[in-house]
């Protein structure tokens, strides 16, 4: 069940990041961006010593912020 929640959070986080940065992408692209973003966000939360309770909302916020950062950097590298 945890993997399914992780995939759903990844899709939602990737979709939000794509909308924030006005980047087109389908379901698979949003999933990949969201999953990589969740790793980036989790790493940054650990480095910044943020206290994350582990709730779905916390995970979604961290994954979305990480996805936005990842997508922003990816767009700059591709140009």
PDB file of N, CA and C in Angstrom:
ATOM      1  N   UNK A   1       0.815  -1.195   0.000  1.00  0.00           N
ATOM      2  CA  UNK A   1       0.000   0.000   0.000  1.00  0.00           C
ATOM      3  C   UNK A   1       0.857   1.257   0.000  1.00  0.00           C
ATOM      4  N   UNK A   2       2.016   1.231   0.653  1.00  0.00           N
ATOM      5  CA  UNK A   2       2.888   2.390   0.717  1.00  0.00           C
ATOM      6  C   UNK A   2       3.415   2.803  -0.646  1.00  0.00           C
ATOM      7  N   UNK A   3       3.719   1.836  -1.504  1.00  0.00           N
ATOM      8  CA  UNK A   3       4.222   2.133  -2.840  1.00  0.00           C
ATOM      9  C   UNK A   3       3.161   2.850  -3.665  1.00  0.00           C
ATOM     10  N   UNK A   4       1.927   2.446  -3.543  1.00  0.00           N
ATOM     11  CA  UNK A   4       0.841   3.083  -4.287  1.00  0.00           C
ATOM     12  C   UNK A   4       0.678   4.533  -3.845  1.00  0.00           C
ATOM     13  N   UNK A   5       0.738   4.787  -2.542  1.00  0.00           N
ATOM     14  CA  UNK A   5       0.637   6.154  -2.031  1.00  0.00           C
ATOM     15  C   UNK A   5       1.808   6.988  -2.524  1.00  0.00           C
ATOM     16  N   UNK A   6       3.001   6.400  -2.521  1.00  0.00           N
ATOM     17  CA  UNK A   6       4.195   7.099  -2.986  1.00  0.00           C
ATOM     18  C   UNK A   6       4.068   7.486  -4.456  1.00  0.00           C
ATOM     19  N   UNK A   7       3.535   6.588  -5.281  1.00  0.00           N
ATOM     20  CA  UNK A   7       3.339   6.862  -6.707  1.00  0.00           C
ATOM     21  C   UNK A   7       2.296   7.967  -6.890  1.00  0.00           C
ATOM     22  N   UNK A   8       1.212   7.908  -6.132  1.00  0.00           N
ATOM     23  CA  UNK A   8       0.170   8.933  -6.243  1.00  0.00           C
ATOM     24  C   UNK A   8       0.721  10.296  -5.832  1.00  0.00           C
ATOM     25  N   UNK A   9       1.462  10.336  -4.735  1.00  0.00           N
ATOM     26  CA  UNK A   9       2.071  11.598  -4.293  1.00  0.00           C
ATOM     27  C   UNK A   9       3.051  12.103  -5.355  1.00  0.00           C
ATOM     28  N   UNK A  10       3.799  11.204  -5.968  1.00  0.00           N
ATOM     29  CA  UNK A  10       4.723  11.592  -7.034  1.00  0.00           C
ATOM     30  C   UNK A  10       4.015  12.187  -8.229  1.00  0.00           C
ATOM     31  N   UNK A  11       2.905  11.598  -8.630  1.00  0.00           N
ATOM     32  CA  UNK A  11       2.136  12.119  -9.762  1.00  0.00           C
ATOM     33  C   UNK A  11       1.583  13.503  -9.440  1.00  0.00           C
ATOM     34  N   UNK A  12       1.008  13.637  -8.260  1.00  0.00           N
ATOM     35  CA  UNK A  12       0.423  14.923  -7.866  1.00  0.00           C
ATOM     36  C   UNK A  12       1.512  15.990  -7.744  1.00  0.00           C
ATOM     37  N   UNK A  13       2.621  15.652  -7.097  1.00  0.00           N
ATOM     38  CA  UNK A  13       3.718  16.613  -6.937  1.00  0.00           C
ATOM     39  C   UNK A  13       4.287  17.026  -8.295  1.00  0.00           C
ATOM     40  N   UNK A  14       4.456  16.081  -9.187  1.00  0.00           N
ATOM     41  CA  UNK A  14       4.957  16.388 -10.531  1.00  0.00           C
ATOM     42  C   UNK A  14       3.987  17.248 -11.319  1.00  0.00           C
ATOM     43  N   UNK A  15       2.688  16.979 -11.176  1.00  0.00           N
ATOM     44  CA  UNK A  15       1.683  17.774 -11.869  1.00  0.00           C
ATOM     45  C   UNK A  15       1.669  19.210 -11.338  1.00  0.00           C
ATOM     46  N   UNK A  16       1.765  19.366 -10.026  1.00  0.00           N
ATOM     47  CA  UNK A  16       1.791  20.709  -9.438  1.00  0.00           C
ATOM     48  C   UNK A  16       3.039  21.457  -9.887  1.00  0.00           C
ATOM     49  N   UNK A  17       4.187  20.794  -9.863  1.00  0.00           N
ATOM     50  CA  UNK A  17       5.438  21.432 -10.296  1.00  0.00           C
ATOM     51  C   UNK A  17       5.371  21.826 -11.762  1.00  0.00           C
ATOM     52  N   UNK A  18       4.783  20.978 -12.596  1.00  0.00           N
ATOM     53  CA  UNK A  18       4.657  21.290 -14.019  1.00  0.00           C
ATOM     54  C   UNK A  18       3.768  22.502 -14.239  1.00  0.00           C
ATOM     55  N   UNK A  19       2.723  22.620 -13.447  1.00  0.00           N
ATOM     56  CA  UNK A  19       1.823  23.775 -13.562  1.00  0.00           C
ATOM     57  C   UNK A  19       2.488  25.053 -13.039  1.00  0.00           C
ATOM     58  N   UNK A  20       3.222  24.954 -11.946  1.00  0.00           N
ATOM     59  CA  UNK A  20       3.881  26.127 -11.373  1.00  0.00           C
ATOM     60  C   UNK A  20       4.918  26.687 -12.337  1.00  0.00           C
ATOM     61  N   UNK A  21       5.687  25.810 -12.964  1.00  0.00           N
ATOM     62  CA  UNK A  21       6.748  26.251 -13.864  1.00  0.00           C
ATOM     63  C   UNK A  21       6.318  26.266 -15.321  1.00  0.00           C
ATOM     64  N   UNK A  22       5.038  26.049 -15.566  1.00  0.00           N
ATOM     65  CA  UNK A  22       4.462  26.080 -16.911  1.00  0.00           C
ATOM     66  C   UNK A  22       5.212  25.167 -17.870  1.00  0.00           C
ATOM     67  N   UNK A  23       5.432  23.948 -17.418  1.00  0.00           N
ATOM     68  CA  UNK A  23       6.143  22.947 -18.207  1.00  0.00           C
ATOM     69  C   UNK A  23       5.157  21.863 -18.608  1.00  0.00           C
ATOM     70  N   UNK A  24       5.052  21.609 -19.881  1.00  0.00           N
ATOM     71  CA  UNK A  24       4.148  20.573 -20.345  1.00  0.00           C
ATOM     72  C   UNK A  24       4.703  19.190 -20.061  1.00  0.00           C
ATOM     73  N   UNK A  25       3.832  18.286 -19.796  1.00  0.00           N
ATOM     74  CA  UNK A  25       4.273  16.922 -19.537  1.00  0.00           C
ATOM     75  C   UNK A  25       3.074  16.032 -19.300  1.00  0.00           C
ATOM     76  N   UNK A  26       3.213  14.804 -19.653  1.00  0.00           N
ATOM     77  CA  UNK A  26       2.143  13.856 -19.446  1.00  0.00           C
ATOM     78  C   UNK A  26       2.239  13.173 -18.099  1.00  0.00           C
ATOM     79  N   UNK A  27       1.469  12.149 -17.939  1.00  0.00           N
ATOM     80  CA  UNK A  27       1.387  11.426 -16.681  1.00  0.00           C
ATOM     81  C   UNK A  27       2.731  10.815 -16.297  1.00  0.00           C
ATOM     82  N   UNK A  28       3.414  10.203 -17.234  1.00  0.00           N
ATOM     83  CA  UNK A  28       4.690   9.557 -16.944  1.00  0.00           C
ATOM     84  C   UNK A  28       5.748  10.604 -16.582  1.00  0.00           C
ATOM     85  N   UNK A  29       5.789  11.706 -17.317  1.00  0.00           N
ATOM     86  CA  UNK A  29       6.750  12.775 -17.017  1.00  0.00           C
ATOM     87  C   UNK A  29       6.474  13.342 -15.629  1.00  0.00           C
ATOM     88  N   UNK A  30       5.208  13.578 -15.315  1.00  0.00           N
ATOM     89  CA  UNK A  30       4.848  14.092 -13.993  1.00  0.00           C
ATOM     90  C   UNK A  30       5.248  13.113 -12.892  1.00  0.00           C
ATOM     91  N   UNK A  31       5.070  11.826 -13.147  1.00  0.00           N
ATOM     92  CA  UNK A  31       5.448  10.808 -12.164  1.00  0.00           C
ATOM     93  C   UNK A  31       6.950  10.839 -11.920  1.00  0.00           C
ATOM     94  N   UNK A  32       7.724  10.875 -12.980  1.00  0.00           N
ATOM     95  CA  UNK A  32       9.185  10.872 -12.845  1.00  0.00           C
ATOM     96  C   UNK A  32       9.657  12.142 -12.139  1.00  0.00           C
ATOM     97  N   UNK A  33       9.127  13.292 -12.559  1.00  0.00           N
ATOM     98  CA  UNK A  33       9.500  14.557 -11.919  1.00  0.00           C
ATOM     99  C   UNK A  33       9.122  14.534 -10.446  1.00  0.00           C
ATOM    100  N   UNK A  34       7.931  14.025 -10.141  1.00  0.00           N
ATOM    101  CA  UNK A  34       7.475  13.969  -8.753  1.00  0.00           C
ATOM    102  C   UNK A  34       8.300  13.026  -7.899  1.00  0.00           C
ATOM    103  N   UNK A  35       8.651  11.879  -8.440  1.00  0.00           N
ATOM    104  CA  UNK A  35       9.451  10.921  -7.671  1.00  0.00           C
ATOM    105  C   UNK A  35      10.872  11.431  -7.445  1.00  0.00           C
ATOM    106  N   UNK A  36      11.480  12.001  -8.471  1.00  0.00           N
ATOM    107  CA  UNK A  36      12.803  12.589  -8.284  1.00  0.00           C
ATOM    108  C   UNK A  36      12.703  13.777  -7.334  1.00  0.00           C
ATOM    109  N   UNK A  37      11.637  14.549  -7.486  1.00  0.00           N
ATOM    110  CA  UNK A  37      11.424  15.684  -6.596  1.00  0.00           C
ATOM    111  C   UNK A  37      11.248  15.274  -5.150  1.00  0.00           C
ATOM    112  N   UNK A  38      10.601  14.149  -4.928  1.00  0.00           N
ATOM    113  CA  UNK A  38      10.440  13.683  -3.551  1.00  0.00           C
ATOM    114  C   UNK A  38      11.784  13.286  -2.946  1.00  0.00           C
ATOM    115  N   UNK A  39      12.661  12.739  -3.758  1.00  0.00           N
ATOM    116  CA  UNK A  39      14.007  12.418  -3.279  1.00  0.00           C
ATOM    117  C   UNK A  39      14.797  13.696  -2.987  1.00  0.00           C
ATOM    118  N   UNK A  40      14.702  14.672  -3.894  1.00  0.00           N
ATOM    119  CA  UNK A  40      15.383  15.949  -3.690  1.00  0.00           C
ATOM    120  C   UNK A  40      14.831  16.648  -2.450  1.00  0.00           C
ATOM    121  N   UNK A  41      13.503  16.707  -2.347  1.00  0.00           N
ATOM    122  CA  UNK A  41      12.879  17.347  -1.195  1.00  0.00           C
ATOM    123  C   UNK A  41      13.207  16.658   0.111  1.00  0.00           C
ATOM    124  N   UNK A  42      13.217  15.340   0.102  1.00  0.00           N
ATOM    125  CA  UNK A  42      13.568  14.592   1.304  1.00  0.00           C
ATOM    126  C   UNK A  42      15.002  14.840   1.722  1.00  0.00           C
ATOM    127  N   UNK A  43      15.903  14.901   0.742  1.00  0.00           N
ATOM    128  CA  UNK A  43      17.308  15.177   1.044  1.00  0.00           C
ATOM    129  C   UNK A  43      17.466  16.582   1.629  1.00  0.00           C
ATOM    130  N   UNK A  44      16.804  17.567   0.998  1.00  0.00           N
ATOM    131  CA  UNK A  44      16.908  18.939   1.490  1.00  0.00           C
ATOM    132  C   UNK A  44      16.295  19.086   2.875  1.00  0.00           C
ATOM    133  N   UNK A  45      15.193  18.388   3.129  1.00  0.00           N
ATOM    134  CA  UNK A  45      14.567  18.435   4.457  1.00  0.00           C
ATOM    135  C   UNK A  45      15.512  17.858   5.511  1.00  0.00           C
ATOM    136  N   UNK A  46      16.227  16.810   5.136  1.00  0.00           N
ATOM    137  CA  UNK A  46      17.181  16.206   6.060  1.00  0.00           C
ATOM    138  C   UNK A  46      18.357  17.135   6.316  1.00  0.00           C
ATOM    139  N   UNK A  47      18.884  17.745   5.255  1.00  0.00           N
ATOM    140  CA  UNK A  47      20.013  18.662   5.385  1.00  0.00           C
ATOM    141  C   UNK A  47      19.622  19.884   6.222  1.00  0.00           C
ATOM    142  N   UNK A  48      18.409  20.401   6.001  1.00  0.00           N
ATOM    143  CA  UNK A  48      17.944  21.582   6.731  1.00  0.00           C
ATOM    144  C   UNK A  48      17.382  21.244   8.109  1.00  0.00           C
ATOM    145  N   UNK A  49      17.392  19.958   8.435  1.00  0.00           N
ATOM    146  CA  UNK A  49      16.930  19.475   9.739  1.00  0.00           C
ATOM    147  C   UNK A  49      15.474  19.855  10.010  1.00  0.00           C
ATOM    148  N   UNK A  50      14.628  19.699   8.995  1.00  0.00           N
ATOM    149  CA  UNK A  50      13.201  19.973   9.153  1.00  0.00           C
ATOM    150  C   UNK A  50      12.530  18.785   9.825  1.00  0.00           C
ATOM    151  N   UNK A  51      11.620  19.066  10.710  1.00  0.00           N
ATOM    152  CA  UNK A  51      10.885  18.018  11.416  1.00  0.00           C
ATOM    153  C   UNK A  51       9.640  17.652  10.614  1.00  0.00           C
ATOM    154  N   UNK A  52       9.682  16.519   9.966  1.00  0.00           N
ATOM    155  CA  UNK A  52       8.565  16.053   9.148  1.00  0.00           C
ATOM    156  C   UNK A  52       7.872  14.934   9.901  1.00  0.00           C
ATOM    157  N   UNK A  53       6.568  15.086  10.101  1.00  0.00           N
ATOM    158  CA  UNK A  53       5.832  14.104  10.890  1.00  0.00           C
ATOM    159  C   UNK A  53       5.519  12.840  10.110  1.00  0.00           C
ATOM    160  N   UNK A  54       5.602  12.888   8.802  1.00  0.00           N
ATOM    161  CA  UNK A  54       5.348  11.692   8.016  1.00  0.00           C
ATOM    162  C   UNK A  54       3.929  11.590   7.490  1.00  0.00           C
ATOM    163  N   UNK A  55       3.126  12.633   7.701  1.00  0.00           N
ATOM    164  CA  UNK A  55       1.771  12.633   7.165  1.00  0.00           C
ATOM    165  C   UNK A  55       1.772  12.835   5.661  1.00  0.00           C
ATOM    166  N   UNK A  56       0.660  12.527   5.049  1.00  0.00           N
ATOM    167  CA  UNK A  56       0.556  12.635   3.595  1.00  0.00           C
ATOM    168  C   UNK A  56       0.732  14.081   3.141  1.00  0.00           C
ATOM    169  N   UNK A  57       0.180  15.026   3.886  1.00  0.00           N
ATOM    170  CA  UNK A  57       0.309  16.437   3.514  1.00  0.00           C
ATOM    171  C   UNK A  57       1.775  16.859   3.578  1.00  0.00           C
ATOM    172  N   UNK A  58       2.479  16.471   4.627  1.00  0.00           N
ATOM    173  CA  UNK A  58       3.908  16.789   4.738  1.00  0.00           C
ATOM    174  C   UNK A  58       4.686  16.210   3.565  1.00  0.00           C
ATOM    175  N   UNK A  59       4.413  14.974   3.239  1.00  0.00           N
ATOM    176  CA  UNK A  59       5.105  14.317   2.140  1.00  0.00           C
ATOM    177  C   UNK A  59       4.802  15.008   0.816  1.00  0.00           C
ATOM    178  N   UNK A  60       3.546  15.412   0.627  1.00  0.00           N
ATOM    179  CA  UNK A  60       3.160  16.075  -0.614  1.00  0.00           C
ATOM    180  C   UNK A  60       3.845  17.433  -0.736  1.00  0.00           C
ATOM    181  N   UNK A  61       3.919  18.188   0.344  1.00  0.00           N
ATOM    182  CA  UNK A  61       4.572  19.499   0.316  1.00  0.00           C
ATOM    183  C   UNK A  61       6.060  19.352   0.017  1.00  0.00           C
ATOM    184  N   UNK A  62       6.721  18.439   0.704  1.00  0.00           N
ATOM    185  CA  UNK A  62       8.160  18.220   0.489  1.00  0.00           C
ATOM    186  C   UNK A  62       8.412  17.725  -0.929  1.00  0.00           C
ATOM    187  N   UNK A  63       7.602  16.783  -1.403  1.00  0.00           N
ATOM    188  CA  UNK A  63       7.774  16.257  -2.763  1.00  0.00           C
ATOM    189  C   UNK A  63       7.520  17.343  -3.804  1.00  0.00           C
ATOM    190  N   UNK A  64       6.527  18.191  -3.575  1.00  0.00           N
ATOM    191  CA  UNK A  64       6.223  19.253  -4.527  1.00  0.00           C
ATOM    192  C   UNK A  64       7.335  20.285  -4.569  1.00  0.00           C
ATOM    193  N   UNK A  65       7.831  20.702  -3.413  1.00  0.00           N
ATOM    194  CA  UNK A  65       8.941  21.654  -3.388  1.00  0.00           C
ATOM    195  C   UNK A  65      10.185  21.071  -4.049  1.00  0.00           C
ATOM    196  N   UNK A  66      10.459  19.805  -3.773  1.00  0.00           N
ATOM    197  CA  UNK A  66      11.590  19.145  -4.418  1.00  0.00           C
ATOM    198  C   UNK A  66      11.404  19.031  -5.919  1.00  0.00           C
ATOM    199  N   UNK A  67      10.180  18.742  -6.355  1.00  0.00           N
ATOM    200  CA  UNK A  67       9.901  18.627  -7.788  1.00  0.00           C
ATOM    201  C   UNK A  67      10.041  19.972  -8.479  1.00  0.00           C
ATOM    202  N   UNK A  68       9.614  21.042  -7.814  1.00  0.00           N
ATOM    203  CA  UNK A  68       9.763  22.377  -8.394  1.00  0.00           C
ATOM    204  C   UNK A  68      11.239  22.716  -8.535  1.00  0.00           C
ATOM    205  N   UNK A  69      12.015  22.448  -7.515  1.00  0.00           N
ATOM    206  CA  UNK A  69      13.456  22.719  -7.573  1.00  0.00           C
ATOM    207  C   UNK A  69      14.106  21.886  -8.678  1.00  0.00           C
ATOM    208  N   UNK A  70      13.784  20.589  -8.717  1.00  0.00           N
ATOM    209  CA  UNK A  70      14.361  19.706  -9.735  1.00  0.00           C
ATOM    210  C   UNK A  70      13.981  20.166 -11.140  1.00  0.00           C
ATOM    211  N   UNK A  71      12.717  20.486 -11.356  1.00  0.00           N
ATOM    212  CA  UNK A  71      12.250  20.885 -12.677  1.00  0.00           C
ATOM    213  C   UNK A  71      12.869  22.220 -13.094  1.00  0.00           C
ATOM    214  N   UNK A  72      13.023  23.141 -12.154  1.00  0.00           N
ATOM    215  CA  UNK A  72      13.660  24.422 -12.436  1.00  0.00           C
ATOM    216  C   UNK A  72      15.107  24.215 -12.892  1.00  0.00           C
ATOM    217  N   UNK A  73      15.848  23.419 -12.151  1.00  0.00           N
ATOM    218  CA  UNK A  73      17.240  23.148 -12.503  1.00  0.00           C
ATOM    219  C   UNK A  73      17.312  22.406 -13.840  1.00  0.00           C
ATOM    220  N   UNK A  74      16.432  21.449 -14.046  1.00  0.00           N
ATOM    221  CA  UNK A  74      16.416  20.672 -15.292  1.00  0.00           C
ATOM    222  C   UNK A  74      16.174  21.586 -16.495  1.00  0.00           C
ATOM    223  N   UNK A  75      15.233  22.534 -16.357  1.00  0.00           N
ATOM    224  CA  UNK A  75      14.951  23.455 -17.442  1.00  0.00           C
ATOM    225  C   UNK A  75      16.152  24.344 -17.741  1.00  0.00           C
ATOM    226  N   UNK A  76      16.856  24.781 -16.698  1.00  0.00           N
ATOM    227  CA  UNK A  76      18.039  25.638 -16.907  1.00  0.00           C
ATOM    228  C   UNK A  76      19.174  24.855 -17.565  1.00  0.00           C
ATOM    229  N   UNK A  77      19.330  23.593 -17.207  1.00  0.00           N
ATOM    230  CA  UNK A  77      20.387  22.769 -17.793  1.00  0.00           C
ATOM    231  C   UNK A  77      20.095  22.485 -19.270  1.00  0.00           C
ATOM    232  N   UNK A  78      18.851  22.254 -19.593  1.00  0.00           N
ATOM    233  CA  UNK A  78      18.478  21.915 -20.969  1.00  0.00           C
ATOM    234  C   UNK A  78      18.619  23.095 -21.919  1.00  0.00           C
ATOM    235  N   UNK A  79      18.595  24.314 -21.412  1.00  0.00           N
ATOM    236  CA  UNK A  79      18.717  25.498 -22.283  1.00  0.00           C
ATOM    237  C   UNK A  79      20.116  25.758 -22.631  1.00  0.00           C
TER     238      UNK A  79
END
